[in-house]
Amino acid sequence: MSRPVGREATLLAFDYGEKRIGVAIGNSLTRLARALVVVPNHNREYRFEAVGKLIGEWKPDALVVGVPCHPDGSPHEMTRLATRFGNQLNGRFNLPVNWVDERYTSVEAEVGIRQGNAQAQMLDAEAARIILQQYLDGLSDD
């Protein structure tokens, strides 16, 4: 489902969780990502209304969703839920979805918070920032 993004594309990234969804914003030209917001994941209607408002406000060209896996790369229940969330984003908002292996992003976000680089209530958004930064760092210079 992923498609290459243009030289200057706005991207929204998501760190999906059953209780909270971290969101980050970034740009493929500057190759910089920043934590944006944490959306409470109360239910499907609430989740997609909140995400729809963010999409309306930021008008992204593409979306990035973190896919959690076990350390050996094998899938688990959250892998399925995050993948379903990304597929639903694509279906509802008709935007391309790019997938990023998010192993250890939450750990990295927690380290950043302990070091004072992010606020604790923004942990999930910081994880989304790391996911998006990994995606941006992997873009080619073509």
C-alpha atoms as a PDB file:
ATOM      1  CA  MET A   1       0.000   0.000   0.000  1.00  0.00           C
ATOM      2  CA  SER A   2       2.954   2.342   0.429  1.00  0.00           C
ATOM      3  CA  ARG A   3       3.958   4.700  -2.323  1.00  0.00           C
ATOM      4  CA  PRO A   4       6.998   6.905  -2.598  1.00  0.00           C
ATOM      5  CA  VAL A   5       6.445  10.455  -1.398  1.00  0.00           C
ATOM      6  CA  GLY A   6       7.398  13.500  -3.426  1.00  0.00           C
ATOM      7  CA  ARG A   7      10.354  15.737  -2.759  1.00  0.00           C
ATOM      8  CA  GLU A   8       8.215  17.906  -0.502  1.00  0.00           C
ATOM      9  CA  ALA A   9       5.473  15.987   1.241  1.00  0.00           C
ATOM     10  CA  THR A  10       3.812  16.501   4.584  1.00  0.00           C
ATOM     11  CA  LEU A  11       3.522  13.281   6.572  1.00  0.00           C
ATOM     12  CA  LEU A  12       1.540  12.297   9.646  1.00  0.00           C
ATOM     13  CA  ALA A  13       2.817   9.310  11.600  1.00  0.00           C
ATOM     14  CA  PHE A  14       1.021   7.150  14.125  1.00  0.00           C
ATOM     15  CA  ASP A  15       2.131   4.993  17.020  1.00  0.00           C
ATOM     16  CA  TYR A  16      -1.034   2.917  17.514  1.00  0.00           C
ATOM     17  CA  GLY A  17      -1.965   1.703  20.967  1.00  0.00           C
ATOM     18  CA  GLU A  18      -5.133   0.299  22.454  1.00  0.00           C
ATOM     19  CA  LYS A  19      -5.370   3.201  24.932  1.00  0.00           C
ATOM     20  CA  ARG A  20      -3.514   6.005  23.141  1.00  0.00           C
ATOM     21  CA  ILE A  21      -2.329   6.857  19.650  1.00  0.00           C
ATOM     22  CA  GLY A  22       0.782   8.977  19.329  1.00  0.00           C
ATOM     23  CA  VAL A  23       0.876  11.334  16.369  1.00  0.00           C
ATOM     24  CA  ALA A  24       3.832  13.114  14.791  1.00  0.00           C
ATOM     25  CA  ILE A  25       4.187  15.492  11.857  1.00  0.00           C
ATOM     26  CA  GLY A  26       7.063  15.793   9.432  1.00  0.00           C
ATOM     27  CA  ASN A  27       8.164  16.900   6.017  1.00  0.00           C
ATOM     28  CA  SER A  28      10.119  14.962   3.420  1.00  0.00           C
ATOM     29  CA  LEU A  29      12.008  18.073   2.267  1.00  0.00           C
ATOM     30  CA  THR A  30      13.377  19.042   5.681  1.00  0.00           C
ATOM     31  CA  ARG A  31      13.528  15.390   6.776  1.00  0.00           C
ATOM     32  CA  LEU A  32      12.528  16.442  10.273  1.00  0.00           C
ATOM     33  CA  ALA A  33       9.768  14.989  12.434  1.00  0.00           C
ATOM     34  CA  ARG A  34       8.242  16.379  15.603  1.00  0.00           C
ATOM     35  CA  ALA A  35       5.848  14.977  18.169  1.00  0.00           C
ATOM     36  CA  LEU A  36       2.399  16.472  17.697  1.00  0.00           C
ATOM     37  CA  VAL A  37      -0.289  15.064  19.983  1.00  0.00           C
ATOM     38  CA  VAL A  38      -1.561  11.994  21.793  1.00  0.00           C
ATOM     39  CA  VAL A  39      -5.083  10.933  20.836  1.00  0.00           C
ATOM     40  CA  PRO A  40      -7.006   8.912  23.427  1.00  0.00           C
ATOM     41  CA  ASN A  41      -8.202   5.701  21.789  1.00  0.00           C
ATOM     42  CA  HIS A  42     -11.645   5.557  23.423  1.00  0.00           C
ATOM     43  CA  ASN A  43     -13.405   3.835  20.526  1.00  0.00           C
ATOM     44  CA  ARG A  44     -13.409   3.649  16.736  1.00  0.00           C
ATOM     45  CA  GLU A  45     -15.711   6.649  16.229  1.00  0.00           C
ATOM     46  CA  TYR A  46     -13.702   8.894  18.565  1.00  0.00           C
ATOM     47  CA  ARG A  47     -10.374   7.709  17.116  1.00  0.00           C
ATOM     48  CA  PHE A  48     -11.260   8.410  13.492  1.00  0.00           C
ATOM     49  CA  GLU A  49     -13.000  11.705  14.272  1.00  0.00           C
ATOM     50  CA  ALA A  50      -9.823  12.930  16.022  1.00  0.00           C
ATOM     51  CA  VAL A  51      -7.569  11.631  13.244  1.00  0.00           C
ATOM     52  CA  GLY A  52      -9.869  13.173  10.624  1.00  0.00           C
ATOM     53  CA  LYS A  53      -9.500  16.576  12.293  1.00  0.00           C
ATOM     54  CA  LEU A  54      -5.713  16.228  12.249  1.00  0.00           C
ATOM     55  CA  ILE A  55      -5.752  15.232   8.586  1.00  0.00           C
ATOM     56  CA  GLY A  56      -8.020  18.188   7.800  1.00  0.00           C
ATOM     57  CA  GLU A  57      -5.738  20.572   9.665  1.00  0.00           C
ATOM     58  CA  TRP A  58      -2.350  19.318   8.427  1.00  0.00           C
ATOM     59  CA  LYS A  59      -3.402  18.030   4.964  1.00  0.00           C
ATOM     60  CA  PRO A  60      -0.744  15.295   4.772  1.00  0.00           C
ATOM     61  CA  ASP A  61       0.298  13.786   1.459  1.00  0.00           C
ATOM     62  CA  ALA A  62       0.869  10.387   3.071  1.00  0.00           C
ATOM     63  CA  LEU A  63       0.682   8.601   6.401  1.00  0.00           C
ATOM     64  CA  VAL A  64       3.206   6.469   8.272  1.00  0.00           C
ATOM     65  CA  VAL A  65       2.151   3.775  10.724  1.00  0.00           C
ATOM     66  CA  GLY A  66       4.467   1.970  13.098  1.00  0.00           C
ATOM     67  CA  VAL A  67       4.175  -1.809  13.021  1.00  0.00           C
ATOM     68  CA  PRO A  68       5.139  -3.480  16.294  1.00  0.00           C
ATOM     69  CA  CYS A  69       6.772  -6.909  16.263  1.00  0.00           C
ATOM     70  CA  HIS A  70       8.548  -9.184  18.677  1.00  0.00           C
ATOM     71  CA  PRO A  71      12.326  -8.606  18.865  1.00  0.00           C
ATOM     72  CA  ASP A  72      12.865 -11.489  16.413  1.00  0.00           C
ATOM     73  CA  GLY A  73      10.523  -9.796  13.914  1.00  0.00           C
ATOM     74  CA  SER A  74       7.612 -12.161  14.360  1.00  0.00           C
ATOM     75  CA  PRO A  75       4.139 -10.607  14.594  1.00  0.00           C
ATOM     76  CA  HIS A  76       1.928 -10.469  17.686  1.00  0.00           C
ATOM     77  CA  GLU A  77      -1.561  -9.154  18.500  1.00  0.00           C
ATOM     78  CA  MET A  78      -0.528  -5.482  18.349  1.00  0.00           C
ATOM     79  CA  THR A  79       0.992  -6.118  14.910  1.00  0.00           C
ATOM     80  CA  ARG A  80      -2.460  -7.100  13.670  1.00  0.00           C
ATOM     81  CA  LEU A  81      -4.182  -4.160  15.383  1.00  0.00           C
ATOM     82  CA  ALA A  82      -1.699  -1.575  14.068  1.00  0.00           C
ATOM     83  CA  THR A  83      -1.923  -3.025  10.556  1.00  0.00           C
ATOM     84  CA  ARG A  84      -5.717  -2.932  10.701  1.00  0.00           C
ATOM     85  CA  PHE A  85      -5.569   0.681  11.900  1.00  0.00           C
ATOM     86  CA  GLY A  86      -3.311   1.634   8.967  1.00  0.00           C
ATOM     87  CA  ASN A  87      -5.572  -0.135   6.479  1.00  0.00           C
ATOM     88  CA  GLN A  88      -8.573   1.697   7.950  1.00  0.00           C
ATOM     89  CA  LEU A  89      -6.729   5.020   7.606  1.00  0.00           C
ATOM     90  CA  ASN A  90      -6.122   4.269   3.948  1.00  0.00           C
ATOM     91  CA  GLY A  91      -9.743   3.261   3.377  1.00  0.00           C
ATOM     92  CA  ARG A  92     -11.290   6.204   5.237  1.00  0.00           C
ATOM     93  CA  PHE A  93      -9.002   9.013   4.124  1.00  0.00           C
ATOM     94  CA  ASN A  94      -7.707   7.688   0.773  1.00  0.00           C
ATOM     95  CA  LEU A  95      -4.107   8.517   1.652  1.00  0.00           C
ATOM     96  CA  PRO A  96      -1.133   6.240   1.047  1.00  0.00           C
ATOM     97  CA  VAL A  97       0.122   4.471   4.146  1.00  0.00           C
ATOM     98  CA  ASN A  98       3.781   3.632   4.652  1.00  0.00           C
ATOM     99  CA  TRP A  99       4.787   1.065   7.251  1.00  0.00           C
ATOM    100  CA  VAL A 100       7.764   1.319   9.621  1.00  0.00           C
ATOM    101  CA  ASP A 101       9.107  -1.378  11.913  1.00  0.00           C
ATOM    102  CA  GLU A 102       8.631   0.212  15.304  1.00  0.00           C
ATOM    103  CA  ARG A 103      10.569  -2.228  17.459  1.00  0.00           C
ATOM    104  CA  TYR A 104      12.162  -0.381  20.383  1.00  0.00           C
ATOM    105  CA  THR A 105      10.689   3.044  19.525  1.00  0.00           C
ATOM    106  CA  SER A 106       8.789   3.198  22.834  1.00  0.00           C
ATOM    107  CA  VAL A 107      11.976   2.302  24.700  1.00  0.00           C
ATOM    108  CA  GLU A 108      13.839   5.035  22.825  1.00  0.00           C
ATOM    109  CA  ALA A 109      11.025   7.505  23.609  1.00  0.00           C
ATOM    110  CA  GLU A 110      11.188   6.608  27.321  1.00  0.00           C
ATOM    111  CA  VAL A 111      14.951   7.230  27.314  1.00  0.00           C
ATOM    112  CA  GLY A 112      14.328  10.624  25.716  1.00  0.00           C
ATOM    113  CA  ILE A 113      11.839  11.503  28.435  1.00  0.00           C
ATOM    114  CA  ARG A 114      14.232  10.421  31.202  1.00  0.00           C
ATOM    115  CA  GLN A 115      16.920  12.600  29.619  1.00  0.00           C
ATOM    116  CA  GLY A 116      14.508  15.546  29.507  1.00  0.00           C
ATOM    117  CA  ASN A 117      14.124  15.571  25.717  1.00  0.00           C
ATOM    118  CA  ALA A 118      10.335  15.059  25.844  1.00  0.00           C
ATOM    119  CA  GLN A 119       7.471  15.317  28.309  1.00  0.00           C
ATOM    120  CA  ALA A 120       6.033  12.159  29.905  1.00  0.00           C
ATOM    121  CA  GLN A 121       2.478  12.843  28.730  1.00  0.00           C
ATOM    122  CA  MET A 122       3.835  12.969  25.179  1.00  0.00           C
ATOM    123  CA  LEU A 123       5.476   9.512  25.303  1.00  0.00           C
ATOM    124  CA  ASP A 124       3.295   8.064  22.532  1.00  0.00           C
ATOM    125  CA  ALA A 125       3.722  11.155  20.344  1.00  0.00           C
ATOM    126  CA  GLU A 126       7.480  10.940  20.881  1.00  0.00           C
ATOM    127  CA  ALA A 127       7.363   7.281  19.768  1.00  0.00           C
ATOM    128  CA  ALA A 128       5.456   8.429  16.647  1.00  0.00           C
ATOM    129  CA  ARG A 129       8.162  11.051  16.059  1.00  0.00           C
ATOM    130  CA  ILE A 130      10.835   8.361  16.204  1.00  0.00           C
ATOM    131  CA  ILE A 131       8.841   6.188  13.772  1.00  0.00           C
ATOM    132  CA  LEU A 132       8.490   9.096  11.359  1.00  0.00           C
ATOM    133  CA  GLN A 133      12.136  10.109  11.730  1.00  0.00           C
ATOM    134  CA  GLN A 134      13.166   6.537  10.856  1.00  0.00           C
ATOM    135  CA  TYR A 135      10.987   6.736   7.745  1.00  0.00           C
ATOM    136  CA  LEU A 136      12.397  10.136   6.738  1.00  0.00           C
ATOM    137  CA  ASP A 137      15.979   8.975   7.358  1.00  0.00           C
ATOM    138  CA  GLY A 138      15.330   6.072   4.968  1.00  0.00           C
ATOM    139  CA  LEU A 139      14.172   8.241   2.058  1.00  0.00           C
ATOM    140  CA  SER A 140      16.500   8.344  -0.922  1.00  0.00           C
ATOM    141  CA  ASP A 141      17.878  11.620  -2.231  1.00  0.00           C
ATOM    142  CA  ASP A 142      16.552  11.036  -5.753  1.00  0.00           C
END
